[in-house]
Amino acid sequence: MSSRSYESVRTSPPALGVSKASSARVAKVLYGAGEASRSGIWVGIFAITMSFAAFTSALFVRQGSSADWAHIALPAILYGNTLALLLSSATLQMARRAILAVAATESHAFRQGLGWLMATLALGFVFIGGQYQAWRQLAAQGLYLATNPNSSFYYVLTAMHGLHVLAGIAALVLVMSRFASRHAALRRSTFEATATYWHFMGVLWLYLLLVLRTKL
């Protein structure tokens, strides 16, 4: 017979000067057990790491055995995209501090946390939009998916990363909806798993940018 452990939701009494509606909403944030979330996100990160390692290994092999390998000029917008993604990690960390470090019944924790989450989401969309513009710039140069091995790897690697960033954006939307809802609680483990995944997307992009600069 399997056993399950549950952790009850803990709430604090409303602070003086804070409305009951506000404190009820904020007090529902970030409580509960989450071993499954923590384990699941690390399994997912490991799987993503292995898949990108396989792609980059294939790139190295293809470059070493190809006589038609020619370097391409990366669109300059990629560096702006990188800055946007790194800033989004910073704003997400600010959201984490606002939500976790401030007493649950203080209403400004809700406003600060939601504001930083919205900034993170906006920067995520800026990154995705910038990546699309980089594709358009390469296409204007006559470089498409099947033009040569270099462009093929560029499109595949950036598309795969972009899809994973979109998954992170979906997770951020879920966190924001749970955080802002009066009827649904947001577990701390869900927020932490989303933050871990988002920071990993930033680290992964730095690795991919290094590969793109040195190998393509």
N, C-alpha and C. Protein backbone atom coordinates (compact mmCIF):
# COMPACT_ATOMS: atom_id res chain seq x y z
N MET A 1 0.85 -1.20 0.00
CA MET A 1 0.00 0.00 0.00
C MET A 1 0.88 1.24 0.00
N SER A 2 0.63 2.13 -0.94
CA SER A 2 1.44 3.34 -1.00
C SER A 2 0.94 4.35 0.00
N SER A 3 1.85 5.15 0.49
CA SER A 3 1.48 6.17 1.47
C SER A 3 1.67 7.54 0.86
N ARG A 4 0.81 8.47 1.22
CA ARG A 4 0.91 9.83 0.72
C ARG A 4 0.95 10.78 1.89
N SER A 5 1.75 11.82 1.77
CA SER A 5 1.82 12.82 2.81
C SER A 5 1.28 14.13 2.27
N TYR A 6 0.53 14.82 3.06
CA TYR A 6 -0.07 16.09 2.66
C TYR A 6 0.36 17.17 3.63
N GLU A 7 0.53 18.37 3.12
CA GLU A 7 0.88 19.51 3.95
C GLU A 7 -0.26 20.50 3.89
N SER A 8 -0.78 20.87 5.01
CA SER A 8 -1.92 21.78 5.04
C SER A 8 -1.49 23.18 4.66
N VAL A 9 -2.43 23.93 4.09
CA VAL A 9 -2.17 25.31 3.72
C VAL A 9 -2.19 26.15 4.98
N ARG A 10 -1.12 26.97 5.15
CA ARG A 10 -1.01 27.78 6.33
C ARG A 10 -1.34 29.22 5.97
N THR A 11 -2.11 29.87 6.77
CA THR A 11 -2.43 31.26 6.56
C THR A 11 -2.18 32.03 7.84
N SER A 12 -1.91 33.31 7.70
CA SER A 12 -1.67 34.17 8.84
C SER A 12 -2.84 35.11 9.01
N PRO A 13 -3.09 35.60 10.21
CA PRO A 13 -4.19 36.56 10.40
C PRO A 13 -3.88 37.85 9.68
N PRO A 14 -4.92 38.55 9.20
CA PRO A 14 -4.69 39.79 8.45
C PRO A 14 -3.99 40.82 9.30
N ALA A 15 -3.06 41.56 8.69
CA ALA A 15 -2.37 42.62 9.39
C ALA A 15 -3.28 43.84 9.48
N LEU A 16 -3.02 44.72 10.48
CA LEU A 16 -3.81 45.93 10.63
C LEU A 16 -3.65 46.80 9.39
N GLY A 17 -4.75 47.35 8.93
CA GLY A 17 -4.70 48.24 7.77
C GLY A 17 -4.77 47.52 6.45
N VAL A 18 -4.88 46.18 6.43
CA VAL A 18 -4.97 45.42 5.19
C VAL A 18 -6.37 44.88 5.07
N SER A 19 -7.00 45.08 3.94
CA SER A 19 -8.37 44.62 3.77
C SER A 19 -8.45 43.12 3.81
N LYS A 20 -9.62 42.59 4.20
CA LYS A 20 -9.78 41.14 4.27
C LYS A 20 -9.66 40.51 2.90
N ALA A 21 -10.21 41.18 1.87
CA ALA A 21 -10.13 40.62 0.52
C ALA A 21 -8.69 40.51 0.07
N SER A 22 -7.89 41.57 0.34
CA SER A 22 -6.50 41.55 -0.08
C SER A 22 -5.72 40.49 0.66
N SER A 23 -5.89 40.42 1.99
CA SER A 23 -5.12 39.45 2.76
C SER A 23 -5.53 38.04 2.43
N ALA A 24 -6.81 37.80 2.12
CA ALA A 24 -7.25 36.46 1.77
C ALA A 24 -6.61 36.00 0.48
N ARG A 25 -6.48 36.95 -0.48
CA ARG A 25 -5.87 36.59 -1.75
C ARG A 25 -4.39 36.32 -1.58
N VAL A 26 -3.67 37.20 -0.87
CA VAL A 26 -2.23 37.06 -0.74
C VAL A 26 -1.87 35.87 0.12
N ALA A 27 -2.68 35.57 1.16
CA ALA A 27 -2.34 34.49 2.08
C ALA A 27 -2.43 33.13 1.43
N LYS A 28 -3.08 33.04 0.26
CA LYS A 28 -3.21 31.75 -0.42
C LYS A 28 -1.99 31.41 -1.26
N VAL A 29 -0.99 32.26 -1.23
CA VAL A 29 0.14 32.11 -2.14
C VAL A 29 1.26 31.30 -1.51
N LEU A 30 1.79 30.34 -2.28
CA LEU A 30 3.08 29.71 -2.00
C LEU A 30 3.15 28.86 -0.74
N TYR A 31 2.22 27.96 -0.57
CA TYR A 31 2.31 27.00 0.51
C TYR A 31 1.99 25.62 -0.04
N GLY A 32 2.52 24.59 0.63
CA GLY A 32 2.23 23.22 0.24
C GLY A 32 3.47 22.44 -0.13
N ALA A 33 3.37 21.11 -0.05
CA ALA A 33 4.49 20.23 -0.36
C ALA A 33 4.68 20.16 -1.87
N GLY A 34 5.91 19.88 -2.30
CA GLY A 34 6.15 19.86 -3.74
C GLY A 34 7.35 19.06 -4.16
N GLU A 35 7.59 17.91 -3.55
CA GLU A 35 8.73 17.08 -3.94
C GLU A 35 8.59 16.64 -5.39
N ALA A 36 7.36 16.34 -5.82
CA ALA A 36 7.16 15.89 -7.20
C ALA A 36 7.52 16.99 -8.19
N SER A 37 7.15 18.23 -7.88
CA SER A 37 7.48 19.35 -8.77
C SER A 37 8.99 19.54 -8.88
N ARG A 38 9.67 19.48 -7.73
CA ARG A 38 11.11 19.68 -7.74
C ARG A 38 11.82 18.56 -8.50
N SER A 39 11.40 17.34 -8.26
CA SER A 39 12.02 16.21 -8.96
C SER A 39 11.72 16.27 -10.45
N GLY A 40 10.46 16.60 -10.78
CA GLY A 40 10.04 16.62 -12.18
C GLY A 40 10.79 17.65 -12.99
N ILE A 41 11.01 18.84 -12.42
CA ILE A 41 11.68 19.88 -13.19
C ILE A 41 13.13 19.52 -13.46
N TRP A 42 13.80 18.85 -12.52
CA TRP A 42 15.19 18.47 -12.74
C TRP A 42 15.30 17.33 -13.75
N VAL A 43 14.32 16.43 -13.74
CA VAL A 43 14.29 15.39 -14.78
C VAL A 43 14.10 16.03 -16.15
N GLY A 44 13.19 17.01 -16.22
CA GLY A 44 12.98 17.70 -17.49
C GLY A 44 14.21 18.44 -17.96
N ILE A 45 14.88 19.12 -17.05
CA ILE A 45 16.10 19.85 -17.41
C ILE A 45 17.17 18.89 -17.91
N PHE A 46 17.28 17.74 -17.26
CA PHE A 46 18.27 16.75 -17.71
C PHE A 46 17.95 16.27 -19.12
N ALA A 47 16.66 16.01 -19.40
CA ALA A 47 16.26 15.54 -20.73
C ALA A 47 16.54 16.61 -21.78
N ILE A 48 16.24 17.87 -21.47
CA ILE A 48 16.50 18.96 -22.42
C ILE A 48 18.00 19.10 -22.66
N THR A 49 18.79 19.01 -21.59
CA THR A 49 20.24 19.11 -21.73
C THR A 49 20.78 18.02 -22.65
N MET A 50 20.30 16.81 -22.48
CA MET A 50 20.76 15.70 -23.31
C MET A 50 20.37 15.89 -24.77
N SER A 51 19.18 16.44 -25.01
CA SER A 51 18.75 16.62 -26.40
C SER A 51 19.60 17.70 -27.09
N PHE A 52 19.90 18.79 -26.39
CA PHE A 52 20.74 19.82 -27.01
C PHE A 52 22.19 19.36 -27.12
N ALA A 53 22.64 18.54 -26.19
CA ALA A 53 23.98 17.97 -26.32
C ALA A 53 24.07 17.10 -27.56
N ALA A 54 23.01 16.35 -27.85
CA ALA A 54 22.99 15.51 -29.04
C ALA A 54 23.03 16.37 -30.31
N PHE A 55 22.26 17.46 -30.32
CA PHE A 55 22.25 18.34 -31.48
C PHE A 55 23.62 18.99 -31.70
N THR A 56 24.24 19.47 -30.65
CA THR A 56 25.54 20.13 -30.82
C THR A 56 26.63 19.11 -31.17
N SER A 57 26.51 17.89 -30.66
CA SER A 57 27.46 16.85 -31.06
C SER A 57 27.34 16.56 -32.55
N ALA A 58 26.10 16.51 -33.04
CA ALA A 58 25.89 16.30 -34.47
C ALA A 58 26.47 17.46 -35.27
N LEU A 59 26.36 18.68 -34.73
CA LEU A 59 26.94 19.85 -35.41
C LEU A 59 28.45 19.71 -35.52
N PHE A 60 29.11 19.31 -34.43
CA PHE A 60 30.57 19.16 -34.45
C PHE A 60 31.00 18.10 -35.45
N VAL A 61 30.27 16.99 -35.48
CA VAL A 61 30.61 15.91 -36.41
C VAL A 61 30.41 16.36 -37.84
N ARG A 62 29.29 17.04 -38.10
CA ARG A 62 29.00 17.51 -39.46
C ARG A 62 30.03 18.53 -39.91
N GLN A 63 30.46 19.41 -39.03
CA GLN A 63 31.46 20.40 -39.39
C GLN A 63 32.80 19.74 -39.71
N GLY A 64 33.17 18.74 -38.92
CA GLY A 64 34.46 18.09 -39.13
C GLY A 64 34.52 17.25 -40.38
N SER A 65 33.36 16.79 -40.87
CA SER A 65 33.37 15.91 -42.04
C SER A 65 32.86 16.59 -43.31
N SER A 66 32.68 17.92 -43.24
CA SER A 66 32.08 18.63 -44.38
C SER A 66 33.10 19.50 -45.07
N ALA A 67 33.03 19.48 -46.39
CA ALA A 67 33.90 20.36 -47.18
C ALA A 67 33.18 21.63 -47.58
N ASP A 68 31.86 21.68 -47.33
CA ASP A 68 31.07 22.85 -47.75
C ASP A 68 30.66 23.72 -46.56
N TRP A 69 31.41 23.60 -45.46
CA TRP A 69 31.07 24.36 -44.26
C TRP A 69 31.61 25.79 -44.37
N ALA A 70 30.74 26.75 -44.30
CA ALA A 70 31.13 28.16 -44.39
C ALA A 70 30.43 28.92 -43.28
N HIS A 71 31.18 29.76 -42.58
CA HIS A 71 30.61 30.49 -41.46
C HIS A 71 29.61 31.53 -41.94
N ILE A 72 28.58 31.76 -41.13
CA ILE A 72 27.57 32.76 -41.45
C ILE A 72 27.68 33.91 -40.45
N ALA A 73 27.26 35.07 -40.87
CA ALA A 73 27.26 36.25 -39.99
C ALA A 73 25.99 36.24 -39.16
N LEU A 74 26.13 36.15 -37.86
CA LEU A 74 24.96 36.11 -36.98
C LEU A 74 24.30 37.48 -36.94
N PRO A 75 22.97 37.55 -36.95
CA PRO A 75 22.28 38.84 -36.83
C PRO A 75 22.63 39.52 -35.51
N ALA A 76 22.89 40.81 -35.55
CA ALA A 76 23.28 41.54 -34.34
C ALA A 76 22.17 41.56 -33.30
N ILE A 77 20.93 41.37 -33.74
CA ILE A 77 19.81 41.40 -32.81
C ILE A 77 19.88 40.29 -31.77
N LEU A 78 20.65 39.24 -32.06
CA LEU A 78 20.79 38.14 -31.11
C LEU A 78 21.35 38.62 -29.77
N TYR A 79 22.19 39.63 -29.80
CA TYR A 79 22.79 40.11 -28.55
C TYR A 79 21.77 40.91 -27.74
N GLY A 80 20.91 41.63 -28.42
CA GLY A 80 19.81 42.29 -27.73
C GLY A 80 18.84 41.27 -27.14
N ASN A 81 18.59 40.20 -27.90
CA ASN A 81 17.73 39.13 -27.39
C ASN A 81 18.33 38.50 -26.14
N THR A 82 19.63 38.31 -26.17
CA THR A 82 20.32 37.74 -25.01
C THR A 82 20.14 38.63 -23.78
N LEU A 83 20.29 39.93 -23.98
CA LEU A 83 20.11 40.87 -22.87
C LEU A 83 18.70 40.79 -22.32
N ALA A 84 17.71 40.71 -23.20
CA ALA A 84 16.31 40.62 -22.76
C ALA A 84 16.08 39.37 -21.92
N LEU A 85 16.65 38.24 -22.35
CA LEU A 85 16.44 36.99 -21.62
C LEU A 85 17.14 37.03 -20.27
N LEU A 86 18.34 37.60 -20.23
CA LEU A 86 19.05 37.70 -18.95
C LEU A 86 18.33 38.65 -18.00
N LEU A 87 17.80 39.75 -18.53
CA LEU A 87 17.03 40.68 -17.70
C LEU A 87 15.77 40.01 -17.17
N SER A 88 15.16 39.13 -17.97
CA SER A 88 13.96 38.44 -17.51
C SER A 88 14.26 37.53 -16.33
N SER A 89 15.46 36.95 -16.30
CA SER A 89 15.85 36.15 -15.13
C SER A 89 15.98 37.04 -13.90
N ALA A 90 16.50 38.26 -14.12
CA ALA A 90 16.65 39.19 -13.00
C ALA A 90 15.29 39.63 -12.48
N THR A 91 14.35 39.94 -13.37
CA THR A 91 13.02 40.37 -12.92
C THR A 91 12.28 39.22 -12.25
N LEU A 92 12.50 37.99 -12.71
CA LEU A 92 11.86 36.85 -12.06
C LEU A 92 12.41 36.66 -10.65
N GLN A 93 13.70 36.90 -10.49
CA GLN A 93 14.30 36.81 -9.16
C GLN A 93 13.75 37.90 -8.25
N MET A 94 13.51 39.09 -8.80
CA MET A 94 12.91 40.15 -8.02
C MET A 94 11.49 39.77 -7.60
N ALA A 95 10.76 39.12 -8.51
CA ALA A 95 9.42 38.65 -8.17
C ALA A 95 9.48 37.63 -7.05
N ARG A 96 10.46 36.75 -7.12
CA ARG A 96 10.62 35.72 -6.08
C ARG A 96 10.87 36.37 -4.73
N ARG A 97 11.74 37.38 -4.71
CA ARG A 97 12.04 38.05 -3.44
C ARG A 97 10.82 38.76 -2.89
N ALA A 98 10.08 39.42 -3.78
CA ALA A 98 8.90 40.16 -3.33
C ALA A 98 7.85 39.23 -2.76
N ILE A 99 7.73 38.05 -3.35
CA ILE A 99 6.69 37.12 -2.93
C ILE A 99 7.09 36.34 -1.69
N LEU A 100 8.33 35.90 -1.63
CA LEU A 100 8.75 35.01 -0.55
C LEU A 100 9.28 35.74 0.67
N ALA A 101 9.87 36.92 0.46
CA ALA A 101 10.53 37.59 1.58
C ALA A 101 9.62 38.52 2.36
N VAL A 102 8.45 38.81 1.81
CA VAL A 102 7.53 39.73 2.47
C VAL A 102 6.40 38.93 3.10
N ALA A 103 5.94 39.38 4.26
CA ALA A 103 4.86 38.68 4.96
C ALA A 103 3.67 38.48 4.03
N ALA A 104 3.06 37.30 4.15
CA ALA A 104 1.99 36.93 3.22
C ALA A 104 0.79 37.86 3.28
N THR A 105 0.59 38.55 4.40
CA THR A 105 -0.59 39.39 4.52
C THR A 105 -0.36 40.82 4.09
N GLU A 106 0.83 41.16 3.64
CA GLU A 106 1.09 42.52 3.21
C GLU A 106 0.71 42.69 1.74
N SER A 107 -0.19 43.60 1.48
CA SER A 107 -0.75 43.72 0.13
C SER A 107 0.27 44.18 -0.90
N HIS A 108 1.30 44.93 -0.47
CA HIS A 108 2.27 45.39 -1.47
C HIS A 108 3.12 44.24 -1.99
N ALA A 109 3.19 43.12 -1.26
CA ALA A 109 3.88 41.93 -1.77
C ALA A 109 3.17 41.43 -3.02
N PHE A 110 1.86 41.48 -2.99
CA PHE A 110 1.08 41.04 -4.16
C PHE A 110 1.35 41.95 -5.35
N ARG A 111 1.30 43.27 -5.14
CA ARG A 111 1.49 44.20 -6.25
C ARG A 111 2.91 44.12 -6.81
N GLN A 112 3.91 44.06 -5.94
CA GLN A 112 5.30 43.98 -6.41
C GLN A 112 5.55 42.66 -7.14
N GLY A 113 5.10 41.58 -6.54
CA GLY A 113 5.32 40.28 -7.16
C GLY A 113 4.68 40.18 -8.52
N LEU A 114 3.42 40.62 -8.63
CA LEU A 114 2.72 40.56 -9.91
C LEU A 114 3.39 41.47 -10.94
N GLY A 115 3.86 42.63 -10.49
CA GLY A 115 4.53 43.55 -11.41
C GLY A 115 5.80 42.95 -11.99
N TRP A 116 6.62 42.34 -11.14
CA TRP A 116 7.85 41.71 -11.62
C TRP A 116 7.56 40.51 -12.51
N LEU A 117 6.51 39.76 -12.20
CA LEU A 117 6.13 38.64 -13.07
C LEU A 117 5.70 39.13 -14.45
N MET A 118 4.95 40.22 -14.48
CA MET A 118 4.55 40.79 -15.76
C MET A 118 5.75 41.28 -16.55
N ALA A 119 6.73 41.86 -15.87
CA ALA A 119 7.95 42.30 -16.55
C ALA A 119 8.70 41.11 -17.13
N THR A 120 8.76 40.02 -16.36
CA THR A 120 9.42 38.81 -16.85
C THR A 120 8.73 38.27 -18.09
N LEU A 121 7.40 38.23 -18.05
CA LEU A 121 6.63 37.75 -19.18
C LEU A 121 6.85 38.62 -20.41
N ALA A 122 6.85 39.94 -20.22
CA ALA A 122 7.06 40.86 -21.34
C ALA A 122 8.44 40.65 -21.96
N LEU A 123 9.47 40.49 -21.13
CA LEU A 123 10.82 40.27 -21.65
C LEU A 123 10.92 38.93 -22.38
N GLY A 124 10.17 37.94 -21.92
CA GLY A 124 10.14 36.67 -22.61
C GLY A 124 9.58 36.82 -24.02
N PHE A 125 8.52 37.60 -24.15
CA PHE A 125 7.95 37.85 -25.48
C PHE A 125 8.90 38.68 -26.33
N VAL A 126 9.62 39.61 -25.71
CA VAL A 126 10.62 40.39 -26.45
C VAL A 126 11.68 39.45 -27.03
N PHE A 127 12.12 38.48 -26.24
CA PHE A 127 13.12 37.53 -26.71
C PHE A 127 12.59 36.73 -27.90
N ILE A 128 11.37 36.21 -27.77
CA ILE A 128 10.80 35.42 -28.86
C ILE A 128 10.63 36.27 -30.12
N GLY A 129 10.14 37.50 -29.95
CA GLY A 129 10.00 38.38 -31.10
C GLY A 129 11.34 38.70 -31.74
N GLY A 130 12.36 38.89 -30.91
CA GLY A 130 13.69 39.16 -31.43
C GLY A 130 14.27 37.99 -32.20
N GLN A 131 14.00 36.77 -31.71
CA GLN A 131 14.47 35.59 -32.42
C GLN A 131 13.80 35.46 -33.79
N TYR A 132 12.53 35.80 -33.84
CA TYR A 132 11.83 35.77 -35.12
C TYR A 132 12.43 36.81 -36.08
N GLN A 133 12.76 37.99 -35.56
CA GLN A 133 13.39 39.00 -36.40
C GLN A 133 14.75 38.54 -36.91
N ALA A 134 15.49 37.79 -36.07
CA ALA A 134 16.78 37.25 -36.51
C ALA A 134 16.58 36.29 -37.66
N TRP A 135 15.54 35.46 -37.60
CA TRP A 135 15.22 34.56 -38.70
C TRP A 135 14.94 35.36 -39.98
N ARG A 136 14.18 36.44 -39.84
CA ARG A 136 13.85 37.26 -41.01
C ARG A 136 15.10 37.90 -41.60
N GLN A 137 16.02 38.31 -40.76
CA GLN A 137 17.25 38.91 -41.25
C GLN A 137 18.10 37.89 -42.01
N LEU A 138 18.15 36.66 -41.49
CA LEU A 138 18.88 35.61 -42.22
C LEU A 138 18.21 35.30 -43.55
N ALA A 139 16.88 35.26 -43.54
CA ALA A 139 16.16 35.00 -44.78
C ALA A 139 16.41 36.10 -45.80
N ALA A 140 16.55 37.35 -45.35
CA ALA A 140 16.84 38.46 -46.26
C ALA A 140 18.22 38.30 -46.90
N GLN A 141 19.10 37.56 -46.22
CA GLN A 141 20.43 37.28 -46.77
C GLN A 141 20.42 36.05 -47.68
N GLY A 142 19.25 35.44 -47.84
CA GLY A 142 19.15 34.24 -48.67
C GLY A 142 19.51 32.97 -47.93
N LEU A 143 19.51 33.01 -46.59
CA LEU A 143 19.84 31.84 -45.78
C LEU A 143 18.57 31.26 -45.17
N TYR A 144 18.22 30.07 -45.62
CA TYR A 144 17.01 29.40 -45.15
C TYR A 144 17.39 28.07 -44.50
N LEU A 145 16.40 27.33 -44.08
CA LEU A 145 16.66 26.08 -43.38
C LEU A 145 17.51 25.12 -44.20
N ALA A 146 17.24 25.02 -45.49
CA ALA A 146 17.93 24.05 -46.33
C ALA A 146 19.02 24.66 -47.20
N THR A 147 19.41 25.90 -46.95
CA THR A 147 20.42 26.55 -47.79
C THR A 147 21.77 25.87 -47.68
N ASN A 148 22.24 25.67 -46.45
CA ASN A 148 23.50 24.97 -46.22
C ASN A 148 23.48 24.37 -44.82
N PRO A 149 24.46 23.53 -44.46
CA PRO A 149 24.45 22.90 -43.14
C PRO A 149 24.46 23.91 -41.99
N ASN A 150 25.18 25.03 -42.18
CA ASN A 150 25.25 26.04 -41.12
C ASN A 150 23.88 26.62 -40.80
N SER A 151 23.18 27.06 -41.85
CA SER A 151 21.87 27.65 -41.62
C SER A 151 20.88 26.62 -41.07
N SER A 152 21.03 25.37 -41.50
CA SER A 152 20.14 24.32 -40.98
C SER A 152 20.29 24.18 -39.47
N PHE A 153 21.52 24.11 -39.01
CA PHE A 153 21.75 23.98 -37.57
C PHE A 153 21.29 25.23 -36.83
N TYR A 154 21.49 26.39 -37.43
CA TYR A 154 21.04 27.62 -36.77
C TYR A 154 19.54 27.59 -36.54
N TYR A 155 18.79 27.30 -37.59
CA TYR A 155 17.33 27.30 -37.47
C TYR A 155 16.85 26.22 -36.50
N VAL A 156 17.45 25.05 -36.56
CA VAL A 156 17.01 23.96 -35.69
C VAL A 156 17.28 24.28 -34.22
N LEU A 157 18.50 24.73 -33.93
CA LEU A 157 18.85 25.00 -32.54
C LEU A 157 18.04 26.16 -31.96
N THR A 158 17.90 27.24 -32.72
CA THR A 158 17.14 28.38 -32.20
C THR A 158 15.65 28.07 -32.11
N ALA A 159 15.14 27.27 -33.04
CA ALA A 159 13.72 26.90 -32.98
C ALA A 159 13.45 26.01 -31.77
N MET A 160 14.32 25.05 -31.53
CA MET A 160 14.14 24.17 -30.38
C MET A 160 14.18 24.97 -29.07
N HIS A 161 15.14 25.88 -28.98
CA HIS A 161 15.23 26.71 -27.78
C HIS A 161 14.01 27.61 -27.65
N GLY A 162 13.57 28.18 -28.77
CA GLY A 162 12.40 29.05 -28.74
C GLY A 162 11.15 28.32 -28.27
N LEU A 163 10.98 27.08 -28.70
CA LEU A 163 9.83 26.29 -28.26
C LEU A 163 9.87 26.05 -26.75
N HIS A 164 11.06 25.80 -26.23
CA HIS A 164 11.18 25.60 -24.78
C HIS A 164 10.94 26.91 -24.02
N VAL A 165 11.35 28.04 -24.60
CA VAL A 165 11.05 29.33 -23.97
C VAL A 165 9.55 29.58 -23.96
N LEU A 166 8.87 29.22 -25.04
CA LEU A 166 7.41 29.36 -25.08
C LEU A 166 6.75 28.50 -24.00
N ALA A 167 7.31 27.32 -23.75
CA ALA A 167 6.79 26.50 -22.66
C ALA A 167 6.98 27.20 -21.32
N GLY A 168 8.13 27.87 -21.16
CA GLY A 168 8.36 28.64 -19.95
C GLY A 168 7.40 29.81 -19.82
N ILE A 169 7.07 30.45 -20.94
CA ILE A 169 6.09 31.55 -20.93
C ILE A 169 4.73 31.03 -20.50
N ALA A 170 4.35 29.85 -21.00
CA ALA A 170 3.08 29.25 -20.59
C ALA A 170 3.07 28.98 -19.08
N ALA A 171 4.20 28.52 -18.55
CA ALA A 171 4.29 28.27 -17.11
C ALA A 171 4.19 29.58 -16.33
N LEU A 172 4.80 30.66 -16.84
CA LEU A 172 4.69 31.95 -16.18
C LEU A 172 3.25 32.46 -16.17
N VAL A 173 2.54 32.24 -17.27
CA VAL A 173 1.13 32.65 -17.33
C VAL A 173 0.33 31.88 -16.29
N LEU A 174 0.62 30.59 -16.14
CA LEU A 174 -0.06 29.79 -15.12
C LEU A 174 0.23 30.32 -13.72
N VAL A 175 1.50 30.63 -13.46
CA VAL A 175 1.87 31.16 -12.14
C VAL A 175 1.16 32.48 -11.88
N MET A 176 1.13 33.36 -12.88
CA MET A 176 0.47 34.65 -12.70
C MET A 176 -1.02 34.49 -12.46
N SER A 177 -1.65 33.57 -13.19
CA SER A 177 -3.09 33.38 -13.03
C SER A 177 -3.42 32.82 -11.65
N ARG A 178 -2.59 31.88 -11.16
CA ARG A 178 -2.80 31.34 -9.82
C ARG A 178 -2.52 32.41 -8.76
N PHE A 179 -1.51 33.21 -9.01
CA PHE A 179 -1.12 34.24 -8.05
C PHE A 179 -2.19 35.32 -7.91
N ALA A 180 -2.79 35.69 -9.05
CA ALA A 180 -3.77 36.77 -9.05
C ALA A 180 -5.18 36.29 -8.71
N SER A 181 -5.42 34.98 -8.77
CA SER A 181 -6.76 34.46 -8.57
C SER A 181 -7.18 34.49 -7.10
N ARG A 182 -8.45 34.77 -6.87
CA ARG A 182 -9.01 34.71 -5.52
C ARG A 182 -9.47 33.30 -5.17
N HIS A 183 -9.49 32.42 -6.15
CA HIS A 183 -10.09 31.10 -5.94
C HIS A 183 -9.11 29.95 -6.08
N ALA A 184 -7.85 30.23 -6.44
CA ALA A 184 -6.88 29.15 -6.62
C ALA A 184 -5.59 29.52 -5.89
N ALA A 185 -5.02 28.54 -5.19
CA ALA A 185 -3.77 28.77 -4.46
C ALA A 185 -2.57 28.41 -5.34
N LEU A 186 -1.50 29.13 -5.16
CA LEU A 186 -0.25 28.86 -5.87
C LEU A 186 0.74 28.22 -4.91
N ARG A 187 1.14 26.99 -5.21
CA ARG A 187 2.12 26.33 -4.36
C ARG A 187 3.51 26.93 -4.60
N ARG A 188 4.26 27.02 -3.53
CA ARG A 188 5.63 27.53 -3.64
C ARG A 188 6.44 26.66 -4.58
N SER A 189 6.23 25.34 -4.54
CA SER A 189 7.01 24.44 -5.38
C SER A 189 6.75 24.71 -6.87
N THR A 190 5.52 25.10 -7.22
CA THR A 190 5.22 25.42 -8.61
C THR A 190 5.99 26.66 -9.05
N PHE A 191 6.01 27.67 -8.19
CA PHE A 191 6.76 28.89 -8.50
C PHE A 191 8.25 28.59 -8.62
N GLU A 192 8.79 27.83 -7.69
CA GLU A 192 10.23 27.52 -7.69
C GLU A 192 10.60 26.71 -8.93
N ALA A 193 9.75 25.76 -9.31
CA ALA A 193 10.03 24.95 -10.50
C ALA A 193 10.02 25.81 -11.75
N THR A 194 9.07 26.73 -11.83
CA THR A 194 9.00 27.64 -12.99
C THR A 194 10.24 28.54 -13.04
N ALA A 195 10.65 29.07 -11.89
CA ALA A 195 11.83 29.93 -11.84
C ALA A 195 13.08 29.17 -12.24
N THR A 196 13.22 27.95 -11.74
CA THR A 196 14.39 27.13 -12.09
C THR A 196 14.44 26.87 -13.59
N TYR A 197 13.30 26.53 -14.16
CA TYR A 197 13.24 26.26 -15.60
C TYR A 197 13.59 27.52 -16.38
N TRP A 198 13.07 28.66 -15.98
CA TRP A 198 13.32 29.91 -16.71
C TRP A 198 14.79 30.30 -16.65
N HIS A 199 15.40 30.18 -15.49
CA HIS A 199 16.83 30.49 -15.38
C HIS A 199 17.65 29.53 -16.24
N PHE A 200 17.23 28.29 -16.29
CA PHE A 200 17.92 27.31 -17.13
C PHE A 200 17.84 27.69 -18.60
N MET A 201 16.71 28.24 -19.03
CA MET A 201 16.58 28.69 -20.42
C MET A 201 17.61 29.77 -20.73
N GLY A 202 17.88 30.65 -19.76
CA GLY A 202 18.90 31.68 -19.96
C GLY A 202 20.29 31.09 -20.09
N VAL A 203 20.62 30.15 -19.21
CA VAL A 203 21.93 29.49 -19.26
C VAL A 203 22.08 28.72 -20.57
N LEU A 204 21.03 28.01 -20.96
CA LEU A 204 21.08 27.23 -22.20
C LEU A 204 21.29 28.14 -23.41
N TRP A 205 20.65 29.30 -23.41
CA TRP A 205 20.83 30.21 -24.54
C TRP A 205 22.25 30.75 -24.61
N LEU A 206 22.86 31.04 -23.47
CA LEU A 206 24.25 31.49 -23.48
C LEU A 206 25.15 30.42 -24.10
N TYR A 207 24.89 29.18 -23.75
CA TYR A 207 25.67 28.07 -24.34
C TYR A 207 25.45 28.00 -25.86
N LEU A 208 24.18 28.11 -26.27
CA LEU A 208 23.89 28.04 -27.71
C LEU A 208 24.49 29.21 -28.45
N LEU A 209 24.46 30.40 -27.86
CA LEU A 209 25.04 31.56 -28.51
C LEU A 209 26.54 31.38 -28.70
N LEU A 210 27.20 30.79 -27.71
CA LEU A 210 28.63 30.51 -27.84
C LEU A 210 28.89 29.53 -28.97
N VAL A 211 28.05 28.49 -29.05
CA VAL A 211 28.20 27.51 -30.14
C VAL A 211 27.96 28.17 -31.50
N LEU A 212 26.92 28.99 -31.59
CA LEU A 212 26.60 29.65 -32.85
C LEU A 212 27.75 30.58 -33.29
N ARG A 213 28.33 31.30 -32.33
CA ARG A 213 29.40 32.23 -32.67
C ARG A 213 30.68 31.51 -33.13
N THR A 214 30.98 30.42 -32.46
CA THR A 214 32.28 29.77 -32.72
C THR A 214 32.21 28.70 -33.82
N LYS A 215 31.03 28.12 -34.05
CA LYS A 215 30.94 27.00 -34.97
C LYS A 215 30.18 27.31 -36.26
N LEU A 216 29.31 28.31 -36.23
CA LEU A 216 28.55 28.63 -37.43
C LEU A 216 29.12 29.87 -38.14
